[in-house]
Amino acid sequence: MAGEFEDIRRRLLAISEELADLAIERLKESIDAGGNELPVDEKRLTRARRAVEKAASILQESDHHEP
């Protein structure tokens, strides 16, 4: 069943992009406010983005291993 998870993988990648955009927004807000440390939200968003990207990658791997 090649491609069985493709729709879910695409949605996960879209979510990953949304999380990246939010992290960038948090960084810009911090810079604009004169902050010199990374916002806590940005770190959490980045960790979540990496987890979502890993899930998307795992789904892609499963498609490649099917006979």
PDB file of N, CA and C in Angstrom:
ATOM      1  N   MET A   1       0.824  -1.183   0.000  1.00  0.00           N
ATOM      2  CA  MET A   1       0.000   0.000   0.000  1.00  0.00           C
ATOM      3  C   MET A   1       0.871   1.251   0.000  1.00  0.00           C
ATOM      4  N   ALA A   2       1.701   1.397  -1.014  1.00  0.00           N
ATOM      5  CA  ALA A   2       2.586   2.553  -1.112  1.00  0.00           C
ATOM      6  C   ALA A   2       1.762   3.829  -1.098  1.00  0.00           C
ATOM      7  N   GLY A   3       2.231   4.826  -0.382  1.00  0.00           N
ATOM      8  CA  GLY A   3       1.542   6.097  -0.315  1.00  0.00           C
ATOM      9  C   GLY A   3       0.400   6.140   0.680  1.00  0.00           C
ATOM     10  N   GLU A   4       0.205   5.065   1.410  1.00  0.00           N
ATOM     11  CA  GLU A   4      -0.911   4.987   2.358  1.00  0.00           C
ATOM     12  C   GLU A   4      -0.892   6.127   3.371  1.00  0.00           C
ATOM     13  N   PHE A   5       0.287   6.555   3.775  1.00  0.00           N
ATOM     14  CA  PHE A   5       0.414   7.590   4.801  1.00  0.00           C
ATOM     15  C   PHE A   5       0.750   8.960   4.217  1.00  0.00           C
ATOM     16  N   GLU A   6       0.754   9.082   2.903  1.00  0.00           N
ATOM     17  CA  GLU A   6       1.210  10.316   2.265  1.00  0.00           C
ATOM     18  C   GLU A   6       0.386  11.536   2.687  1.00  0.00           C
ATOM     19  N   ASP A   7      -0.923  11.405   2.779  1.00  0.00           N
ATOM     20  CA  ASP A   7      -1.757  12.546   3.177  1.00  0.00           C
ATOM     21  C   ASP A   7      -1.410  12.997   4.592  1.00  0.00           C
ATOM     22  N   ILE A   8      -1.269  12.054   5.486  1.00  0.00           N
ATOM     23  CA  ILE A   8      -0.913  12.391   6.874  1.00  0.00           C
ATOM     24  C   ILE A   8       0.468  13.025   6.918  1.00  0.00           C
ATOM     25  N   ARG A   9       1.397  12.465   6.144  1.00  0.00           N
ATOM     26  CA  ARG A   9       2.762  13.014   6.109  1.00  0.00           C
ATOM     27  C   ARG A   9       2.743  14.456   5.618  1.00  0.00           C
ATOM     28  N   ARG A  10       1.972  14.732   4.578  1.00  0.00           N
ATOM     29  CA  ARG A  10       1.879  16.100   4.050  1.00  0.00           C
ATOM     30  C   ARG A  10       1.298  17.056   5.092  1.00  0.00           C
ATOM     31  N   ARG A  11       0.283  16.583   5.829  1.00  0.00           N
ATOM     32  CA  ARG A  11      -0.307  17.431   6.869  1.00  0.00           C
ATOM     33  C   ARG A  11       0.686  17.693   7.996  1.00  0.00           C
ATOM     34  N   LEU A  12       1.461  16.671   8.348  1.00  0.00           N
ATOM     35  CA  LEU A  12       2.488  16.859   9.378  1.00  0.00           C
ATOM     36  C   LEU A  12       3.529  17.878   8.931  1.00  0.00           C
ATOM     37  N   LEU A  13       3.922  17.814   7.667  1.00  0.00           N
ATOM     38  CA  LEU A  13       4.900  18.778   7.155  1.00  0.00           C
ATOM     39  C   LEU A  13       4.329  20.193   7.157  1.00  0.00           C
ATOM     40  N   ALA A  14       3.038  20.328   6.867  1.00  0.00           N
ATOM     41  CA  ALA A  14       2.395  21.643   6.928  1.00  0.00           C
ATOM     42  C   ALA A  14       2.382  22.165   8.367  1.00  0.00           C
ATOM     43  N   ILE A  15       2.117  21.283   9.316  1.00  0.00           N
ATOM     44  CA  ILE A  15       2.134  21.657  10.732  1.00  0.00           C
ATOM     45  C   ILE A  15       3.542  22.071  11.133  1.00  0.00           C
ATOM     46  N   SER A  16       4.535  21.358  10.638  1.00  0.00           N
ATOM     47  CA  SER A  16       5.923  21.698  10.918  1.00  0.00           C
ATOM     48  C   SER A  16       6.244  23.113  10.445  1.00  0.00           C
ATOM     49  N   GLU A  17       5.759  23.466   9.269  1.00  0.00           N
ATOM     50  CA  GLU A  17       5.973  24.817   8.746  1.00  0.00           C
ATOM     51  C   GLU A  17       5.281  25.856   9.621  1.00  0.00           C
ATOM     52  N   GLU A  18       4.068  25.554  10.078  1.00  0.00           N
ATOM     53  CA  GLU A  18       3.350  26.471  10.960  1.00  0.00           C
ATOM     54  C   GLU A  18       4.122  26.687  12.260  1.00  0.00           C
ATOM     55  N   LEU A  19       4.657  25.605  12.814  1.00  0.00           N
ATOM     56  CA  LEU A  19       5.432  25.715  14.047  1.00  0.00           C
ATOM     57  C   LEU A  19       6.697  26.542  13.827  1.00  0.00           C
ATOM     58  N   ALA A  20       7.349  26.349  12.684  1.00  0.00           N
ATOM     59  CA  ALA A  20       8.545  27.139  12.368  1.00  0.00           C
ATOM     60  C   ALA A  20       8.192  28.619  12.256  1.00  0.00           C
ATOM     61  N   ASP A  21       7.077  28.918  11.599  1.00  0.00           N
ATOM     62  CA  ASP A  21       6.640  30.311  11.467  1.00  0.00           C
ATOM     63  C   ASP A  21       6.368  30.939  12.832  1.00  0.00           C
ATOM     64  N   LEU A  22       5.717  30.181  13.711  1.00  0.00           N
ATOM     65  CA  LEU A  22       5.444  30.690  15.056  1.00  0.00           C
ATOM     66  C   LEU A  22       6.738  30.937  15.828  1.00  0.00           C
ATOM     67  N   ALA A  23       7.703  30.031  15.697  1.00  0.00           N
ATOM     68  CA  ALA A  23       8.983  30.197  16.387  1.00  0.00           C
ATOM     69  C   ALA A  23       9.693  31.455  15.894  1.00  0.00           C
ATOM     70  N   ILE A  24       9.675  31.684  14.591  1.00  0.00           N
ATOM     71  CA  ILE A  24      10.301  32.886  14.028  1.00  0.00           C
ATOM     72  C   ILE A  24       9.588  34.140  14.531  1.00  0.00           C
ATOM     73  N   GLU A  25       8.272  34.072  14.600  1.00  0.00           N
ATOM     74  CA  GLU A  25       7.489  35.201  15.114  1.00  0.00           C
ATOM     75  C   GLU A  25       7.882  35.518  16.549  1.00  0.00           C
ATOM     76  N   ARG A  26       8.034  34.471  17.367  1.00  0.00           N
ATOM     77  CA  ARG A  26       8.427  34.679  18.770  1.00  0.00           C
ATOM     78  C   ARG A  26       9.811  35.319  18.846  1.00  0.00           C
ATOM     79  N   LEU A  27      10.735  34.874  17.995  1.00  0.00           N
ATOM     80  CA  LEU A  27      12.080  35.458  17.986  1.00  0.00           C
ATOM     81  C   LEU A  27      12.026  36.937  17.597  1.00  0.00           C
ATOM     82  N   LYS A  28      11.254  37.251  16.571  1.00  0.00           N
ATOM     83  CA  LYS A  28      11.131  38.650  16.135  1.00  0.00           C
ATOM     84  C   LYS A  28      10.535  39.514  17.246  1.00  0.00           C
ATOM     85  N   GLU A  29       9.508  38.986  17.918  1.00  0.00           N
ATOM     86  CA  GLU A  29       8.884  39.728  19.013  1.00  0.00           C
ATOM     87  C   GLU A  29       9.887  39.990  20.129  1.00  0.00           C
ATOM     88  N   SER A  30      10.706  38.991  20.422  1.00  0.00           N
ATOM     89  CA  SER A  30      11.708  39.140  21.469  1.00  0.00           C
ATOM     90  C   SER A  30      12.748  40.190  21.090  1.00  0.00           C
ATOM     91  N   ILE A  31      13.183  40.158  19.838  1.00  0.00           N
ATOM     92  CA  ILE A  31      14.170  41.131  19.368  1.00  0.00           C
ATOM     93  C   ILE A  31      13.572  42.536  19.405  1.00  0.00           C
ATOM     94  N   ASP A  32      12.338  42.662  18.915  1.00  0.00           N
ATOM     95  CA  ASP A  32      11.673  43.965  18.907  1.00  0.00           C
ATOM     96  C   ASP A  32      11.500  44.525  20.320  1.00  0.00           C
ATOM     97  N   ALA A  33      11.334  43.640  21.289  1.00  0.00           N
ATOM     98  CA  ALA A  33      11.162  44.067  22.677  1.00  0.00           C
ATOM     99  C   ALA A  33      12.506  44.299  23.363  1.00  0.00           C
ATOM    100  N   GLY A  34      13.606  44.121  22.627  1.00  0.00           N
ATOM    101  CA  GLY A  34      14.931  44.355  23.193  1.00  0.00           C
ATOM    102  C   GLY A  34      15.497  43.174  23.946  1.00  0.00           C
ATOM    103  N   GLY A  35      14.860  42.022  23.806  1.00  0.00           N
ATOM    104  CA  GLY A  35      15.333  40.828  24.505  1.00  0.00           C
ATOM    105  C   GLY A  35      16.653  40.330  23.946  1.00  0.00           C
ATOM    106  N   ASN A  36      17.454  39.741  24.806  1.00  0.00           N
ATOM    107  CA  ASN A  36      18.734  39.188  24.357  1.00  0.00           C
ATOM    108  C   ASN A  36      18.850  37.703  24.681  1.00  0.00           C
ATOM    109  N   GLU A  37      17.730  37.088  25.050  1.00  0.00           N
ATOM    110  CA  GLU A  37      17.688  35.651  25.297  1.00  0.00           C
ATOM    111  C   GLU A  37      16.583  35.044  24.444  1.00  0.00           C
ATOM    112  N   LEU A  38      16.737  33.763  24.125  1.00  0.00           N
ATOM    113  CA  LEU A  38      15.706  33.081  23.339  1.00  0.00           C
ATOM    114  C   LEU A  38      14.438  32.946  24.171  1.00  0.00           C
ATOM    115  N   PRO A  39      13.287  33.260  23.588  1.00  0.00           N
ATOM    116  CA  PRO A  39      12.028  33.077  24.326  1.00  0.00           C
ATOM    117  C   PRO A  39      11.778  31.594  24.598  1.00  0.00           C
ATOM    118  N   VAL A  40      11.193  31.308  25.745  1.00  0.00           N
ATOM    119  CA  VAL A  40      10.887  29.925  26.119  1.00  0.00           C
ATOM    120  C   VAL A  40       9.966  29.293  25.080  1.00  0.00           C
ATOM    121  N   ASP A  41       8.966  30.045  24.618  1.00  0.00           N
ATOM    122  CA  ASP A  41       8.040  29.526  23.607  1.00  0.00           C
ATOM    123  C   ASP A  41       8.774  29.072  22.355  1.00  0.00           C
ATOM    124  N   GLU A  42       9.776  29.834  21.929  1.00  0.00           N
ATOM    125  CA  GLU A  42      10.514  29.491  20.712  1.00  0.00           C
ATOM    126  C   GLU A  42      11.186  28.135  20.862  1.00  0.00           C
ATOM    127  N   LYS A  43      11.777  27.891  22.000  1.00  0.00           N
ATOM    128  CA  LYS A  43      12.440  26.602  22.241  1.00  0.00           C
ATOM    129  C   LYS A  43      11.431  25.459  22.191  1.00  0.00           C
ATOM    130  N   ARG A  44      10.295  25.666  22.820  1.00  0.00           N
ATOM    131  CA  ARG A  44       9.246  24.632  22.844  1.00  0.00           C
ATOM    132  C   ARG A  44       8.689  24.395  21.447  1.00  0.00           C
ATOM    133  N   LEU A  45       8.469  25.457  20.696  1.00  0.00           N
ATOM    134  CA  LEU A  45       7.968  25.331  19.331  1.00  0.00           C
ATOM    135  C   LEU A  45       8.973  24.591  18.445  1.00  0.00           C
ATOM    136  N   THR A  46      10.244  24.875  18.632  1.00  0.00           N
ATOM    137  CA  THR A  46      11.285  24.206  17.843  1.00  0.00           C
ATOM    138  C   THR A  46      11.335  22.718  18.169  1.00  0.00           C
ATOM    139  N   ARG A  47      11.219  22.376  19.444  1.00  0.00           N
ATOM    140  CA  ARG A  47      11.196  20.956  19.822  1.00  0.00           C
ATOM    141  C   ARG A  47       9.990  20.252  19.223  1.00  0.00           C
ATOM    142  N   ALA A  48       8.837  20.911  19.264  1.00  0.00           N
ATOM    143  CA  ALA A  48       7.624  20.326  18.687  1.00  0.00           C
ATOM    144  C   ALA A  48       7.777  20.158  17.177  1.00  0.00           C
ATOM    145  N   ARG A  49       8.367  21.154  16.508  1.00  0.00           N
ATOM    146  CA  ARG A  49       8.569  21.064  15.057  1.00  0.00           C
ATOM    147  C   ARG A  49       9.455  19.880  14.712  1.00  0.00           C
ATOM    148  N   ARG A  50      10.519  19.699  15.462  1.00  0.00           N
ATOM    149  CA  ARG A  50      11.424  18.566  15.206  1.00  0.00           C
ATOM    150  C   ARG A  50      10.710  17.230  15.406  1.00  0.00           C
ATOM    151  N   ALA A  51       9.861  17.147  16.416  1.00  0.00           N
ATOM    152  CA  ALA A  51       9.119  15.908  16.668  1.00  0.00           C
ATOM    153  C   ALA A  51       8.143  15.616  15.525  1.00  0.00           C
ATOM    154  N   VAL A  52       7.481  16.653  15.040  1.00  0.00           N
ATOM    155  CA  VAL A  52       6.536  16.479  13.934  1.00  0.00           C
ATOM    156  C   VAL A  52       7.282  16.061  12.674  1.00  0.00           C
ATOM    157  N   GLU A  53       8.438  16.693  12.412  1.00  0.00           N
ATOM    158  CA  GLU A  53       9.245  16.315  11.246  1.00  0.00           C
ATOM    159  C   GLU A  53       9.720  14.863  11.352  1.00  0.00           C
ATOM    160  N   LYS A  54      10.064  14.445  12.566  1.00  0.00           N
ATOM    161  CA  LYS A  54      10.494  13.059  12.764  1.00  0.00           C
ATOM    162  C   LYS A  54       9.335  12.106  12.464  1.00  0.00           C
ATOM    163  N   ALA A  55       8.132  12.452  12.918  1.00  0.00           N
ATOM    164  CA  ALA A  55       6.960  11.614  12.645  1.00  0.00           C
ATOM    165  C   ALA A  55       6.714  11.518  11.142  1.00  0.00           C
ATOM    166  N   ALA A  56       6.831  12.636  10.435  1.00  0.00           N
ATOM    167  CA  ALA A  56       6.643  12.634   8.984  1.00  0.00           C
ATOM    168  C   ALA A  56       7.692  11.751   8.314  1.00  0.00           C
ATOM    169  N   SER A  57       8.906  11.819   8.798  1.00  0.00           N
ATOM    170  CA  SER A  57       9.992  11.006   8.246  1.00  0.00           C
ATOM    171  C   SER A  57       9.746   9.521   8.480  1.00  0.00           C
ATOM    172  N   ILE A  58       9.256   9.190   9.662  1.00  0.00           N
ATOM    173  CA  ILE A  58       8.958   7.783   9.977  1.00  0.00           C
ATOM    174  C   ILE A  58       7.876   7.252   9.050  1.00  0.00           C
ATOM    175  N   LEU A  59       6.861   8.053   8.785  1.00  0.00           N
ATOM    176  CA  LEU A  59       5.800   7.613   7.874  1.00  0.00           C
ATOM    177  C   LEU A  59       6.331   7.430   6.460  1.00  0.00           C
ATOM    178  N   GLN A  60       7.243   8.284   6.053  1.00  0.00           N
ATOM    179  CA  GLN A  60       7.836   8.145   4.724  1.00  0.00           C
ATOM    180  C   GLN A  60       8.672   6.874   4.648  1.00  0.00           C
ATOM    181  N   GLU A  61       9.425   6.586   5.700  1.00  0.00           N
ATOM    182  CA  GLU A  61      10.238   5.369   5.742  1.00  0.00           C
ATOM    183  C   GLU A  61       9.376   4.125   5.595  1.00  0.00           C
ATOM    184  N   SER A  62       8.228   4.102   6.262  1.00  0.00           N
ATOM    185  CA  SER A  62       7.386   2.914   6.218  1.00  0.00           C
ATOM    186  C   SER A  62       6.881   2.653   4.803  1.00  0.00           C
ATOM    187  N   ASP A  63       6.641   3.721   4.031  1.00  0.00           N
ATOM    188  CA  ASP A  63       6.222   3.559   2.648  1.00  0.00           C
ATOM    189  C   ASP A  63       7.344   2.940   1.808  1.00  0.00           C
ATOM    190  N   HIS A  64       8.582   3.322   2.086  1.00  0.00           N
ATOM    191  CA  HIS A  64       9.708   2.805   1.305  1.00  0.00           C
ATOM    192  C   HIS A  64      10.056   1.364   1.631  1.00  0.00           C
ATOM    193  N   HIS A  65       9.650   0.895   2.805  1.00  0.00           N
ATOM    194  CA  HIS A  65       9.978  -0.483   3.199  1.00  0.00           C
ATOM    195  C   HIS A  65       8.915  -1.490   2.821  1.00  0.00           C
ATOM    196  N   GLU A  66       7.793  -1.021   2.296  1.00  0.00           N
ATOM    197  CA  GLU A  66       6.736  -1.954   1.887  1.00  0.00           C
ATOM    198  C   GLU A  66       7.157  -2.681   0.620  1.00  0.00           C
ATOM    199  N   PRO A  67       6.797  -3.961   0.480  1.00  0.00           N
ATOM    200  CA  PRO A  67       7.167  -4.706  -0.742  1.00  0.00           C
ATOM    201  C   PRO A  67       6.417  -4.220  -1.963  1.00  0.00           C
TER     202      PRO A  67
END
